[in-house]
């Protein structure tokens, strides 16, 4: 989270605004059918009184949008916070999505999870139609979430981290088996902070837990017969610049997919259709299972 001093809130907010213009900005491609245009402004909260004022002047629905746009938990707002605020509050949460509401290249895939490391957000698609988006906190600089095309493997409503046993990861859904990387509910600080997993709000983690499909394994769990839901991780977060959602103030489309990212996703889609494990299994009398791997394989040592 960006901080400003109590003595000079306006000057630092101005400096931040000037730095935003340095962010790379891309015009969305024509194939991205975007929602209504929303403009934004910066709000600097310099005192505890202004924290209370913020909580009182916005409705619960508006605060939900603001928290998601700033990738933070509600209790992260404090004196010194600088946030991006939409000038218009609509009833459709998808209007604030950095993902297109319809995505032609995903139309032939039943379900797809997109995870953008650059803008710290996820999108859920059903046959190319966006049904949900939300903020994430992906891997920090020293332990980044690996980019690539992966698939939902197994899930657990409560998983204990092997990095630190005090870390409980509710609604965990693994998509990189041997690296122990998955999505799960955890604190959202407003920047990439995890040990490679992708943090989510609790409500979002519950939705993905129920919505995404697991792998199908052979009896005994030694062979993957059918892949689970594809998880496509892409984009590069710039740790040297202001958080990218502040760029919405200068350019409302600065968080949309870039041409380079579109090309990466196209490559992932091509790989998806080349993998026979993404299609219906041939008739078989043997029962297939969606089970976790043997102990130890699912965790990052």
Protein backbone atom coordinates (compact mmCIF):
# COMPACT_ATOMS: atom_id res chain seq x y z
CA UNK A 1 0.00 0.00 0.00
CA UNK A 2 1.23 3.48 -0.79
CA UNK A 3 1.67 5.78 2.20
CA UNK A 4 1.64 9.56 2.57
CA UNK A 5 2.62 11.69 5.54
CA UNK A 6 0.05 13.59 7.58
CA UNK A 7 1.96 16.83 7.02
CA UNK A 8 2.09 16.76 3.23
CA UNK A 9 -0.79 14.66 1.86
CA UNK A 10 -1.56 16.86 -1.13
CA UNK A 11 1.99 17.22 -2.41
CA UNK A 12 2.73 13.52 -2.31
CA UNK A 13 -0.60 12.67 -3.90
CA UNK A 14 0.35 15.07 -6.70
CA UNK A 15 3.71 13.35 -7.08
CA UNK A 16 1.98 9.98 -7.32
CA UNK A 17 -0.39 11.32 -9.95
CA UNK A 18 2.55 12.56 -12.02
CA UNK A 19 4.27 9.17 -11.81
CA UNK A 20 1.12 7.44 -13.03
CA UNK A 21 1.57 9.02 -16.46
CA UNK A 22 4.78 6.97 -16.81
CA UNK A 23 2.83 3.69 -16.63
CA UNK A 24 2.61 1.79 -19.91
CA UNK A 25 -0.84 2.31 -21.36
CA UNK A 26 -2.45 0.16 -24.02
CA UNK A 27 -5.66 0.70 -25.97
CA UNK A 28 -7.85 -2.40 -25.73
CA UNK A 29 -8.03 -4.46 -28.90
CA UNK A 30 -11.26 -4.52 -30.90
CA UNK A 31 -11.80 -8.17 -29.99
CA UNK A 32 -12.15 -7.16 -26.35
CA UNK A 33 -15.75 -6.12 -25.84
CA UNK A 34 -15.44 -3.92 -22.79
CA UNK A 35 -18.10 -2.72 -20.32
CA UNK A 36 -19.20 0.88 -19.82
CA UNK A 37 -16.43 3.47 -19.44
CA UNK A 38 -15.76 4.45 -15.82
CA UNK A 39 -13.56 7.40 -14.85
CA UNK A 40 -11.55 7.49 -11.61
CA UNK A 41 -9.86 9.85 -9.18
CA UNK A 42 -7.37 9.53 -6.31
CA UNK A 43 -8.42 9.86 -2.69
CA UNK A 44 -5.75 10.58 -0.07
CA UNK A 45 -6.68 9.70 3.51
CA UNK A 46 -4.38 11.57 5.83
CA UNK A 47 -6.01 11.27 9.27
CA UNK A 48 -8.00 8.78 11.33
CA UNK A 49 -10.97 11.13 11.08
CA UNK A 50 -10.84 10.83 7.32
CA UNK A 51 -10.85 7.05 7.67
CA UNK A 52 -14.15 7.32 9.55
CA UNK A 53 -15.45 9.77 6.98
CA UNK A 54 -14.61 7.34 4.18
CA UNK A 55 -16.44 4.51 5.90
CA UNK A 56 -19.54 6.70 6.35
CA UNK A 57 -19.77 8.39 2.99
CA UNK A 58 -19.85 5.25 0.85
CA UNK A 59 -22.49 2.51 0.76
CA UNK A 60 -21.53 -1.11 1.42
CA UNK A 61 -21.82 -1.91 -2.30
CA UNK A 62 -19.61 1.05 -3.21
CA UNK A 63 -16.99 0.05 -0.62
CA UNK A 64 -16.94 -3.48 -2.00
CA UNK A 65 -16.04 -2.06 -5.42
CA UNK A 66 -13.43 0.33 -3.98
CA UNK A 67 -11.74 -2.38 -1.90
CA UNK A 68 -11.58 -4.70 -4.92
CA UNK A 69 -10.19 -1.96 -7.18
CA UNK A 70 -7.42 -1.31 -4.64
CA UNK A 71 -6.82 -5.04 -3.99
CA UNK A 72 -7.16 -4.65 -0.23
CA UNK A 73 -9.09 -6.01 2.72
CA UNK A 74 -11.50 -3.52 4.33
CA UNK A 75 -9.33 -3.21 7.45
CA UNK A 76 -6.33 -2.07 5.38
CA UNK A 77 -7.61 1.51 5.11
CA UNK A 78 -5.73 3.76 7.52
CA UNK A 79 -4.22 7.23 7.76
CA UNK A 80 -1.76 7.55 4.89
CA UNK A 81 -3.73 5.48 2.39
CA UNK A 82 -4.02 6.58 -1.23
CA UNK A 83 -6.78 4.86 -3.19
CA UNK A 84 -8.31 4.94 -6.62
CA UNK A 85 -12.05 5.74 -6.47
CA UNK A 86 -14.57 5.36 -9.33
CA UNK A 87 -16.52 8.48 -10.22
CA UNK A 88 -19.56 6.33 -10.99
CA UNK A 89 -20.99 3.47 -8.93
CA UNK A 90 -23.04 1.04 -11.03
CA UNK A 91 -25.01 -2.03 -10.02
CA UNK A 92 -22.85 -4.29 -12.19
CA UNK A 93 -19.56 -5.25 -10.55
CA UNK A 94 -18.30 -6.47 -13.95
CA UNK A 95 -18.22 -2.84 -15.13
CA UNK A 96 -14.99 -2.47 -13.11
CA UNK A 97 -13.32 -5.57 -14.49
CA UNK A 98 -9.89 -5.37 -16.18
CA UNK A 99 -11.02 -8.31 -18.33
CA UNK A 100 -13.34 -8.18 -21.38
CA UNK A 101 -16.90 -9.27 -20.64
CA UNK A 102 -16.84 -11.46 -23.75
CA UNK A 103 -13.65 -13.06 -25.00
CA UNK A 104 -13.87 -14.73 -28.39
CA UNK A 105 -10.73 -16.85 -28.10
CA UNK A 106 -12.14 -18.60 -25.00
CA UNK A 107 -15.57 -19.39 -26.47
CA UNK A 108 -14.79 -23.07 -27.12
CA UNK A 109 -13.40 -23.70 -23.64
CA UNK A 110 -16.11 -24.65 -21.09
CA UNK A 111 -14.42 -22.93 -18.15
CA UNK A 112 -11.28 -20.79 -17.92
CA UNK A 113 -9.51 -19.03 -15.05
CA UNK A 114 -7.38 -16.03 -16.07
CA UNK A 115 -4.89 -14.66 -13.53
CA UNK A 116 -3.12 -11.42 -14.39
CA UNK A 117 0.03 -10.85 -12.38
CA UNK A 118 0.43 -7.37 -13.90
CA UNK A 119 -2.87 -5.97 -12.60
CA UNK A 120 -3.34 -8.49 -9.74
CA UNK A 121 -6.75 -9.79 -10.74
CA UNK A 122 -8.54 -12.99 -11.76
CA UNK A 123 -11.38 -13.56 -14.21
CA UNK A 124 -13.68 -16.58 -14.57
CA UNK A 125 -15.03 -17.39 -18.01
CA UNK A 126 -17.68 -19.81 -19.21
CA UNK A 127 -17.45 -20.33 -22.97
CA UNK A 128 -15.89 -16.90 -23.39
CA UNK A 129 -18.35 -15.04 -21.15
CA UNK A 130 -17.00 -13.33 -18.04
CA UNK A 131 -19.02 -14.40 -15.01
CA UNK A 132 -16.82 -13.09 -12.19
CA UNK A 133 -13.66 -11.14 -11.49
CA UNK A 134 -11.83 -10.10 -8.36
CA UNK A 135 -8.51 -8.97 -6.91
CA UNK A 136 -5.57 -11.24 -6.11
CA UNK A 137 -2.26 -11.05 -4.33
CA UNK A 138 0.18 -13.23 -6.24
CA UNK A 139 3.76 -14.16 -5.41
CA UNK A 140 6.11 -11.50 -4.12
CA UNK A 141 9.29 -10.49 -5.97
CA UNK A 142 11.43 -13.29 -4.45
CA UNK A 143 8.78 -16.02 -4.88
CA UNK A 144 6.68 -15.07 -7.92
CA UNK A 145 3.70 -17.08 -9.08
CA UNK A 146 4.94 -18.91 -12.20
CA UNK A 147 3.34 -17.83 -15.46
CA UNK A 148 1.95 -20.46 -17.81
CA UNK A 149 -0.96 -22.70 -18.71
CA UNK A 150 -1.82 -25.03 -15.86
CA UNK A 151 -4.87 -27.00 -14.78
CA UNK A 152 -6.94 -27.40 -11.65
CA UNK A 153 -5.77 -30.50 -9.83
CA UNK A 154 -7.15 -31.06 -6.34
CA UNK A 155 -8.74 -28.98 -3.62
CA UNK A 156 -9.09 -28.81 0.15
CA UNK A 157 -11.38 -26.68 2.28
CA UNK A 158 -8.58 -26.26 4.81
CA UNK A 159 -4.91 -26.69 3.96
CA UNK A 160 -1.92 -26.14 6.24
CA UNK A 161 1.17 -24.60 4.65
CA UNK A 162 4.41 -26.56 4.91
CA UNK A 163 6.35 -23.28 4.81
CA UNK A 164 4.77 -22.23 8.12
CA UNK A 165 2.29 -24.44 9.98
CA UNK A 166 0.55 -21.36 11.39
CA UNK A 167 -0.60 -20.43 7.89
CA UNK A 168 -4.04 -21.87 7.25
CA UNK A 169 -5.23 -21.65 3.63
CA UNK A 170 -9.02 -21.94 3.37
CA UNK A 171 -10.65 -23.09 0.13
CA UNK A 172 -7.39 -24.12 -1.48
CA UNK A 173 -7.44 -25.20 -5.13
CA UNK A 174 -4.11 -26.42 -6.51
CA UNK A 175 -3.15 -25.76 -10.13
CA UNK A 176 0.59 -26.59 -10.00
CA UNK A 177 0.97 -29.95 -8.30
CA UNK A 178 4.72 -30.38 -7.90
CA UNK A 179 5.27 -26.73 -6.97
CA UNK A 180 2.41 -26.65 -4.48
CA UNK A 181 0.89 -23.53 -6.07
CA UNK A 182 -2.83 -22.83 -5.93
CA UNK A 183 -5.47 -20.24 -5.17
CA UNK A 184 -6.88 -19.79 -1.67
CA UNK A 185 -8.31 -17.25 0.74
CA UNK A 186 -5.79 -15.14 2.64
CA UNK A 187 -5.08 -11.53 3.57
CA UNK A 188 -5.07 -8.97 0.75
CA UNK A 189 -2.52 -6.17 1.34
CA UNK A 190 -2.78 -4.37 -2.02
CA UNK A 191 0.36 -5.77 -3.69
CA UNK A 192 1.97 -9.17 -4.51
CA UNK A 193 2.85 -10.70 -1.15
CA UNK A 194 2.52 -14.49 -1.24
CA UNK A 195 5.01 -17.36 -1.34
CA UNK A 196 3.87 -18.16 -4.94
CA UNK A 197 0.23 -19.04 -4.33
CA UNK A 198 -2.55 -16.67 -5.42
CA UNK A 199 -4.45 -15.06 -2.55
CA UNK A 200 -8.15 -14.28 -2.89
CA UNK A 201 -11.01 -12.79 -0.93
CA UNK A 202 -12.82 -15.54 0.98
CA UNK A 203 -15.98 -15.22 -1.14
CA UNK A 204 -13.97 -15.51 -4.37
CA UNK A 205 -12.01 -18.51 -3.06
CA UNK A 206 -15.28 -20.26 -2.19
CA UNK A 207 -16.67 -19.64 -5.66
CA UNK A 208 -13.59 -21.04 -7.42
CA UNK A 209 -13.53 -23.98 -5.00
CA UNK A 210 -17.06 -24.97 -6.06
CA UNK A 211 -16.87 -23.84 -9.71
CA UNK A 212 -13.54 -25.12 -11.06
CA UNK A 213 -13.10 -28.77 -12.00
CA UNK A 214 -10.43 -31.11 -10.67
CA UNK A 215 -8.30 -33.53 -12.61
CA UNK A 216 -9.43 -37.11 -13.18
CA UNK A 217 -6.90 -39.73 -12.21
CA UNK A 218 -6.52 -43.40 -12.98
CA UNK A 219 -7.22 -45.92 -10.20
CA UNK A 220 -4.37 -45.53 -7.73
CA UNK A 221 -3.77 -41.93 -8.80
CA UNK A 222 -0.66 -42.56 -10.90
CA UNK A 223 -1.85 -41.11 -14.18
CA UNK A 224 -3.83 -38.02 -15.17
CA UNK A 225 -6.67 -39.12 -17.47
CA UNK A 226 -8.33 -35.74 -17.88
CA UNK A 227 -7.16 -32.25 -17.01
CA UNK A 228 -9.14 -29.98 -14.74
CA UNK A 229 -10.14 -26.39 -15.48
CA UNK A 230 -7.35 -24.42 -17.20
CA UNK A 231 -5.64 -21.74 -15.10
CA UNK A 232 -3.86 -19.25 -17.36
CA UNK A 233 -1.32 -17.08 -15.51
CA UNK A 234 0.24 -14.22 -17.45
CA UNK A 235 1.59 -10.66 -17.27
CA UNK A 236 4.52 -9.13 -15.36
CA UNK A 237 4.04 -7.01 -12.25
CA UNK A 238 6.34 -3.97 -12.14
CA UNK A 239 7.64 -3.66 -8.59
CA UNK A 240 9.43 -0.40 -9.42
CA UNK A 241 6.33 1.65 -10.30
CA UNK A 242 3.15 2.67 -8.48
CA UNK A 243 0.48 -0.02 -8.30
CA UNK A 244 -1.08 -0.26 -11.78
CA UNK A 245 -4.69 0.42 -10.75
CA UNK A 246 -3.73 4.00 -9.88
CA UNK A 247 -3.13 4.37 -13.60
CA UNK A 248 -6.90 4.25 -14.12
CA UNK A 249 -6.99 7.93 -13.12
CA UNK A 250 -4.97 8.97 -16.17
CA UNK A 251 -6.27 6.34 -18.57
CA UNK A 252 -9.33 4.19 -17.83
CA UNK A 253 -8.09 1.40 -20.14
CA UNK A 254 -4.57 1.15 -18.66
CA UNK A 255 -5.41 -2.11 -16.85
CA UNK A 256 -6.96 -3.87 -19.86
CA UNK A 257 -5.18 -6.67 -21.70
CA UNK A 258 -2.22 -5.51 -23.80
CA UNK A 259 -1.45 -6.80 -27.29
CA UNK A 260 1.47 -8.77 -25.85
CA UNK A 261 -0.75 -10.40 -23.23
CA UNK A 262 -3.34 -11.25 -25.88
CA UNK A 263 -0.60 -13.05 -27.81
CA UNK A 264 0.44 -15.00 -24.71
CA UNK A 265 -3.13 -16.07 -24.03
CA UNK A 266 -3.53 -17.09 -27.68
CA UNK A 267 -0.50 -19.39 -27.24
CA UNK A 268 -2.08 -20.88 -24.09
CA UNK A 269 -5.35 -21.51 -25.95
CA UNK A 270 -3.47 -23.23 -28.78
CA UNK A 271 -1.74 -25.48 -26.24
CA UNK A 272 -5.08 -26.25 -24.60
CA UNK A 273 -6.56 -27.58 -27.85
CA UNK A 274 -3.46 -29.67 -28.59
CA UNK A 275 -3.77 -31.59 -25.32
CA UNK A 276 -6.08 -34.64 -25.61
CA UNK A 277 -6.51 -34.63 -21.84
CA UNK A 278 -8.74 -31.57 -22.18
CA UNK A 279 -11.50 -33.51 -23.90
CA UNK A 280 -13.97 -36.22 -23.02
CA UNK A 281 -12.53 -39.52 -21.89
CA UNK A 282 -13.20 -42.61 -24.01
CA UNK A 283 -15.77 -45.02 -22.52
CA UNK A 284 -14.21 -47.08 -19.75
CA UNK A 285 -15.42 -49.46 -17.11
CA UNK A 286 -12.73 -48.27 -14.73
CA UNK A 287 -13.68 -45.63 -12.19
CA UNK A 288 -11.67 -42.40 -12.29
CA UNK A 289 -10.91 -40.39 -9.19
CA UNK A 290 -10.26 -36.76 -8.26
CA UNK A 291 -7.86 -37.28 -5.37
CA UNK A 292 -4.82 -35.48 -3.95
CA UNK A 293 -1.35 -36.80 -4.81
CA UNK A 294 0.76 -38.68 -2.33
CA UNK A 295 1.87 -36.70 0.69
CA UNK A 296 4.71 -34.32 -0.06
CA UNK A 297 4.26 -33.87 -3.81
CA UNK A 298 1.84 -31.00 -3.42
CA UNK A 299 4.04 -28.75 -1.32
CA UNK A 300 6.94 -26.46 -2.08
CA UNK A 301 9.95 -27.78 -0.20
